[in-house]
Amino acid sequence: ILELVRGELKSIGRPVDLPGGVVVTGGGAKLPGMTDLVKQELKLAAQVGFPNLQGIEVVNPSYQELIDDPAFAVAAGLLRWAASEEGDAPPGSGPDWLRKTKTFLEHLMP
């Protein structure tokens, strides 16, 4: 994956010109030495990204710690994006998608 990223950065002419570096998310980001490997392979600063849970209501507070994890960063980001797009939603769709998503996720929890 890092070879593909390096190739993509090279193809757009930015092999080492990213002052913010790289943010690694997902379950693989928790592997020991992952940020060191990313730094070595991409020659860029690297850090593990955690989800921004502001504005996302966690029904059960005991789950807060469970989802404050790099593996949930993409899911949290998609929820935040969907919420920001709600103003552009077709008439009648309103916040119903959020209620349905919340209900679906609640059924997944033990």
N, C-alpha and C. Protein backbone atom coordinates (compact mmCIF):
# COMPACT_ATOMS: atom_id res chain seq x y z
N ILE A 1 0.84 -1.19 0.00
CA ILE A 1 0.00 0.00 0.00
C ILE A 1 0.88 1.25 0.00
N LEU A 2 1.93 1.21 0.79
CA LEU A 2 2.81 2.38 0.86
C LEU A 2 3.52 2.62 -0.47
N GLU A 3 3.85 1.56 -1.19
CA GLU A 3 4.45 1.73 -2.51
C GLU A 3 3.47 2.42 -3.46
N LEU A 4 2.20 2.04 -3.38
CA LEU A 4 1.18 2.67 -4.21
C LEU A 4 1.01 4.15 -3.85
N VAL A 5 1.01 4.44 -2.56
CA VAL A 5 0.90 5.84 -2.12
C VAL A 5 2.10 6.64 -2.60
N ARG A 6 3.28 6.07 -2.43
CA ARG A 6 4.50 6.76 -2.88
C ARG A 6 4.44 7.02 -4.39
N GLY A 7 3.98 6.02 -5.16
CA GLY A 7 3.85 6.20 -6.61
C GLY A 7 2.84 7.27 -6.97
N GLU A 8 1.73 7.31 -6.23
CA GLU A 8 0.70 8.33 -6.48
C GLU A 8 1.23 9.72 -6.15
N LEU A 9 1.94 9.85 -5.05
CA LEU A 9 2.52 11.15 -4.69
C LEU A 9 3.53 11.61 -5.74
N LYS A 10 4.31 10.65 -6.24
CA LYS A 10 5.29 10.98 -7.26
C LYS A 10 4.60 11.41 -8.56
N SER A 11 3.50 10.75 -8.90
CA SER A 11 2.80 11.07 -10.15
C SER A 11 2.17 12.46 -10.13
N ILE A 12 1.85 12.96 -8.94
CA ILE A 12 1.28 14.31 -8.87
C ILE A 12 2.36 15.35 -8.53
N GLY A 13 3.62 14.89 -8.50
CA GLY A 13 4.72 15.82 -8.28
C GLY A 13 4.89 16.27 -6.85
N ARG A 14 4.45 15.47 -5.90
CA ARG A 14 4.58 15.86 -4.50
C ARG A 14 5.17 14.72 -3.66
N PRO A 15 6.34 14.23 -4.03
CA PRO A 15 6.88 13.10 -3.28
C PRO A 15 7.25 13.42 -1.83
N VAL A 16 7.71 14.63 -1.56
CA VAL A 16 8.08 14.96 -0.18
C VAL A 16 7.64 16.37 0.20
N ASP A 17 6.68 16.91 -0.52
CA ASP A 17 6.26 18.29 -0.31
C ASP A 17 4.92 18.37 0.41
N LEU A 18 4.75 17.57 1.47
CA LEU A 18 3.52 17.61 2.26
C LEU A 18 3.89 18.01 3.68
N PRO A 19 3.83 19.31 3.98
CA PRO A 19 4.29 19.78 5.28
C PRO A 19 3.51 19.18 6.45
N GLY A 20 2.26 18.80 6.23
CA GLY A 20 1.46 18.20 7.31
C GLY A 20 1.75 16.73 7.50
N GLY A 21 2.45 16.12 6.57
CA GLY A 21 2.76 14.71 6.67
C GLY A 21 1.58 13.82 6.34
N VAL A 22 1.57 12.65 6.94
CA VAL A 22 0.59 11.61 6.65
C VAL A 22 -0.15 11.24 7.93
N VAL A 23 -1.45 11.05 7.83
CA VAL A 23 -2.25 10.56 8.95
C VAL A 23 -2.72 9.16 8.58
N VAL A 24 -2.38 8.20 9.42
CA VAL A 24 -2.72 6.81 9.18
C VAL A 24 -3.92 6.45 10.05
N THR A 25 -4.97 5.89 9.42
CA THR A 25 -6.16 5.50 10.17
C THR A 25 -6.47 4.04 9.87
N GLY A 26 -7.48 3.54 10.54
CA GLY A 26 -7.89 2.15 10.34
C GLY A 26 -7.24 1.25 11.37
N GLY A 27 -7.66 0.02 11.38
CA GLY A 27 -7.13 -0.94 12.35
C GLY A 27 -5.64 -1.16 12.19
N GLY A 28 -5.14 -1.11 10.95
CA GLY A 28 -3.72 -1.32 10.70
C GLY A 28 -2.85 -0.23 11.30
N ALA A 29 -3.42 0.93 11.56
CA ALA A 29 -2.66 2.03 12.14
C ALA A 29 -2.18 1.69 13.55
N LYS A 30 -2.83 0.71 14.18
CA LYS A 30 -2.47 0.34 15.55
C LYS A 30 -1.35 -0.70 15.60
N LEU A 31 -0.93 -1.20 14.44
CA LEU A 31 0.14 -2.19 14.43
C LEU A 31 1.42 -1.56 14.96
N PRO A 32 2.16 -2.29 15.78
CA PRO A 32 3.41 -1.75 16.31
C PRO A 32 4.37 -1.36 15.18
N GLY A 33 4.91 -0.17 15.25
CA GLY A 33 5.88 0.30 14.28
C GLY A 33 5.29 0.84 12.99
N MET A 34 3.98 0.93 12.90
CA MET A 34 3.35 1.38 11.64
C MET A 34 3.77 2.81 11.28
N THR A 35 3.74 3.72 12.23
CA THR A 35 4.12 5.10 11.88
C THR A 35 5.59 5.18 11.48
N ASP A 36 6.44 4.40 12.14
CA ASP A 36 7.85 4.38 11.76
C ASP A 36 8.04 3.86 10.33
N LEU A 37 7.27 2.83 9.97
CA LEU A 37 7.34 2.29 8.62
C LEU A 37 6.87 3.32 7.59
N VAL A 38 5.78 4.01 7.90
CA VAL A 38 5.27 5.04 6.98
C VAL A 38 6.29 6.15 6.81
N LYS A 39 6.89 6.59 7.91
CA LYS A 39 7.92 7.64 7.84
C LYS A 39 9.08 7.19 6.97
N GLN A 40 9.50 5.95 7.16
CA GLN A 40 10.65 5.41 6.41
C GLN A 40 10.33 5.28 4.92
N GLU A 41 9.17 4.74 4.60
CA GLU A 41 8.83 4.48 3.20
C GLU A 41 8.44 5.73 2.42
N LEU A 42 7.74 6.65 3.06
CA LEU A 42 7.26 7.85 2.36
C LEU A 42 8.13 9.07 2.58
N LYS A 43 9.06 8.96 3.51
CA LYS A 43 9.94 10.10 3.84
C LYS A 43 9.13 11.32 4.24
N LEU A 44 8.08 11.08 5.03
CA LEU A 44 7.19 12.13 5.50
C LEU A 44 6.89 11.90 6.98
N ALA A 45 6.52 12.97 7.66
CA ALA A 45 6.06 12.83 9.04
C ALA A 45 4.77 12.00 9.02
N ALA A 46 4.58 11.22 10.07
CA ALA A 46 3.38 10.37 10.13
C ALA A 46 2.86 10.32 11.56
N GLN A 47 1.54 10.22 11.66
CA GLN A 47 0.91 10.06 12.96
C GLN A 47 -0.36 9.25 12.80
N VAL A 48 -0.83 8.68 13.90
CA VAL A 48 -2.06 7.89 13.89
C VAL A 48 -3.23 8.86 14.08
N GLY A 49 -4.27 8.70 13.27
CA GLY A 49 -5.45 9.55 13.35
C GLY A 49 -6.56 8.90 14.13
N PHE A 50 -7.13 9.65 15.03
CA PHE A 50 -8.28 9.19 15.83
C PHE A 50 -9.52 9.93 15.36
N PRO A 51 -10.69 9.32 15.51
CA PRO A 51 -11.91 9.98 15.04
C PRO A 51 -12.24 11.22 15.85
N ASN A 52 -12.82 12.21 15.16
CA ASN A 52 -13.33 13.40 15.82
C ASN A 52 -14.80 13.11 16.15
N LEU A 53 -15.09 12.88 17.40
CA LEU A 53 -16.44 12.48 17.80
C LEU A 53 -17.30 13.65 18.23
N GLN A 54 -16.82 14.88 18.05
CA GLN A 54 -17.63 16.05 18.39
C GLN A 54 -18.87 16.07 17.51
N GLY A 55 -20.00 16.28 18.11
CA GLY A 55 -21.24 16.35 17.37
C GLY A 55 -21.86 14.99 17.08
N ILE A 56 -21.20 13.92 17.49
CA ILE A 56 -21.76 12.58 17.32
C ILE A 56 -22.20 12.09 18.69
N GLU A 57 -23.49 11.89 18.83
CA GLU A 57 -24.03 11.46 20.12
C GLU A 57 -23.77 9.97 20.32
N VAL A 58 -23.09 9.64 21.41
CA VAL A 58 -22.85 8.25 21.76
C VAL A 58 -23.87 7.91 22.84
N VAL A 59 -24.80 7.03 22.50
CA VAL A 59 -25.93 6.73 23.38
C VAL A 59 -25.46 6.15 24.71
N ASN A 60 -24.57 5.21 24.66
CA ASN A 60 -24.06 4.57 25.88
C ASN A 60 -22.65 5.07 26.13
N PRO A 61 -22.42 5.81 27.23
CA PRO A 61 -21.09 6.38 27.49
C PRO A 61 -19.97 5.33 27.56
N SER A 62 -20.31 4.09 27.90
CA SER A 62 -19.27 3.07 27.98
C SER A 62 -18.71 2.74 26.60
N TYR A 63 -19.44 3.08 25.54
CA TYR A 63 -18.96 2.84 24.18
C TYR A 63 -18.05 3.95 23.68
N GLN A 64 -18.05 5.08 24.36
CA GLN A 64 -17.23 6.23 23.95
C GLN A 64 -15.77 5.81 23.79
N GLU A 65 -15.25 5.10 24.77
CA GLU A 65 -13.85 4.68 24.73
C GLU A 65 -13.61 3.66 23.62
N LEU A 66 -14.60 2.81 23.38
CA LEU A 66 -14.45 1.79 22.34
C LEU A 66 -14.34 2.40 20.94
N ILE A 67 -15.12 3.44 20.68
CA ILE A 67 -15.11 4.00 19.33
C ILE A 67 -14.09 5.13 19.16
N ASP A 68 -13.46 5.54 20.25
CA ASP A 68 -12.38 6.52 20.15
C ASP A 68 -11.12 5.76 19.77
N ASP A 69 -11.12 5.27 18.54
CA ASP A 69 -10.11 4.32 18.07
C ASP A 69 -9.85 4.59 16.59
N PRO A 70 -8.61 4.47 16.13
CA PRO A 70 -8.32 4.72 14.72
C PRO A 70 -9.15 3.87 13.76
N ALA A 71 -9.58 2.71 14.21
CA ALA A 71 -10.38 1.84 13.34
C ALA A 71 -11.73 2.46 13.00
N PHE A 72 -12.21 3.41 13.81
CA PHE A 72 -13.51 4.04 13.59
C PHE A 72 -13.39 5.43 12.97
N ALA A 73 -12.19 5.87 12.63
CA ALA A 73 -11.99 7.22 12.12
C ALA A 73 -12.77 7.46 10.82
N VAL A 74 -12.74 6.52 9.90
CA VAL A 74 -13.44 6.71 8.63
C VAL A 74 -14.95 6.73 8.86
N ALA A 75 -15.44 5.81 9.68
CA ALA A 75 -16.88 5.76 9.95
C ALA A 75 -17.35 7.06 10.59
N ALA A 76 -16.60 7.57 11.56
CA ALA A 76 -16.97 8.82 12.22
C ALA A 76 -16.92 9.98 11.22
N GLY A 77 -15.91 9.98 10.36
CA GLY A 77 -15.80 11.03 9.36
C GLY A 77 -16.96 11.01 8.38
N LEU A 78 -17.39 9.81 7.98
CA LEU A 78 -18.53 9.70 7.07
C LEU A 78 -19.81 10.17 7.73
N LEU A 79 -19.98 9.87 9.02
CA LEU A 79 -21.17 10.34 9.73
C LEU A 79 -21.17 11.86 9.82
N ARG A 80 -20.00 12.45 10.12
CA ARG A 80 -19.91 13.91 10.20
C ARG A 80 -20.18 14.53 8.83
N TRP A 81 -19.65 13.93 7.77
CA TRP A 81 -19.88 14.45 6.42
C TRP A 81 -21.36 14.37 6.07
N ALA A 82 -21.99 13.24 6.36
CA ALA A 82 -23.41 13.08 6.05
C ALA A 82 -24.24 14.11 6.80
N ALA A 83 -23.88 14.36 8.05
CA ALA A 83 -24.61 15.35 8.84
C ALA A 83 -24.44 16.75 8.24
N SER A 84 -23.25 17.05 7.72
CA SER A 84 -23.03 18.37 7.12
C SER A 84 -23.77 18.51 5.80
N GLU A 85 -24.05 17.41 5.14
CA GLU A 85 -24.75 17.42 3.87
C GLU A 85 -26.27 17.45 4.04
N GLU A 86 -26.74 17.32 5.26
CA GLU A 86 -28.17 17.23 5.51
C GLU A 86 -28.92 18.43 4.95
N GLY A 87 -28.30 19.59 4.97
CA GLY A 87 -28.96 20.77 4.43
C GLY A 87 -29.23 20.66 2.94
N ASP A 88 -28.44 19.83 2.25
CA ASP A 88 -28.62 19.63 0.82
C ASP A 88 -29.48 18.41 0.51
N ALA A 89 -30.04 17.79 1.54
CA ALA A 89 -30.81 16.56 1.33
C ALA A 89 -32.12 16.87 0.63
N PRO A 90 -32.64 15.90 -0.12
CA PRO A 90 -33.93 16.11 -0.79
C PRO A 90 -35.05 16.31 0.22
N PRO A 91 -36.10 17.04 -0.15
CA PRO A 91 -37.22 17.25 0.79
C PRO A 91 -37.77 15.92 1.27
N GLY A 92 -38.07 15.88 2.54
CA GLY A 92 -38.65 14.67 3.12
C GLY A 92 -37.63 13.71 3.70
N SER A 93 -36.33 13.87 3.34
CA SER A 93 -35.34 12.93 3.87
C SER A 93 -34.90 13.35 5.26
N GLY A 94 -34.82 14.65 5.51
CA GLY A 94 -34.51 15.21 6.82
C GLY A 94 -33.53 14.41 7.63
N PRO A 95 -33.67 14.47 8.95
CA PRO A 95 -32.75 13.74 9.82
C PRO A 95 -33.12 12.26 9.97
N ASP A 96 -34.04 11.79 9.15
CA ASP A 96 -34.47 10.40 9.25
C ASP A 96 -33.30 9.43 9.04
N TRP A 97 -32.36 9.77 8.13
CA TRP A 97 -31.21 8.91 7.88
C TRP A 97 -30.39 8.74 9.14
N LEU A 98 -30.28 9.81 9.94
CA LEU A 98 -29.49 9.76 11.16
C LEU A 98 -30.16 8.84 12.18
N ARG A 99 -31.47 8.96 12.31
CA ARG A 99 -32.20 8.09 13.24
C ARG A 99 -32.04 6.63 12.83
N LYS A 100 -32.18 6.34 11.54
CA LYS A 100 -32.04 4.97 11.06
C LYS A 100 -30.62 4.44 11.27
N THR A 101 -29.63 5.29 11.01
CA THR A 101 -28.25 4.88 11.22
C THR A 101 -27.99 4.59 12.69
N LYS A 102 -28.49 5.46 13.54
CA LYS A 102 -28.31 5.29 14.99
C LYS A 102 -28.97 3.99 15.45
N THR A 103 -30.18 3.72 15.00
CA THR A 103 -30.87 2.49 15.36
C THR A 103 -30.09 1.28 14.88
N PHE A 104 -29.60 1.33 13.65
CA PHE A 104 -28.82 0.22 13.09
C PHE A 104 -27.58 -0.03 13.95
N LEU A 105 -26.85 1.02 14.29
CA LEU A 105 -25.63 0.87 15.08
C LEU A 105 -25.92 0.37 16.49
N GLU A 106 -27.02 0.81 17.07
CA GLU A 106 -27.39 0.34 18.41
C GLU A 106 -27.61 -1.17 18.41
N HIS A 107 -28.16 -1.70 17.32
CA HIS A 107 -28.42 -3.14 17.24
C HIS A 107 -27.13 -3.95 17.08
N LEU A 108 -26.05 -3.30 16.65
CA LEU A 108 -24.78 -3.99 16.51
C LEU A 108 -24.04 -4.14 17.85
N MET A 109 -24.32 -3.24 18.77
CA MET A 109 -23.63 -3.27 20.05
C MET A 109 -24.13 -4.43 20.91
N PRO A 110 -23.21 -5.07 21.65
CA PRO A 110 -23.60 -6.20 22.51
C PRO A 110 -24.45 -5.75 23.68
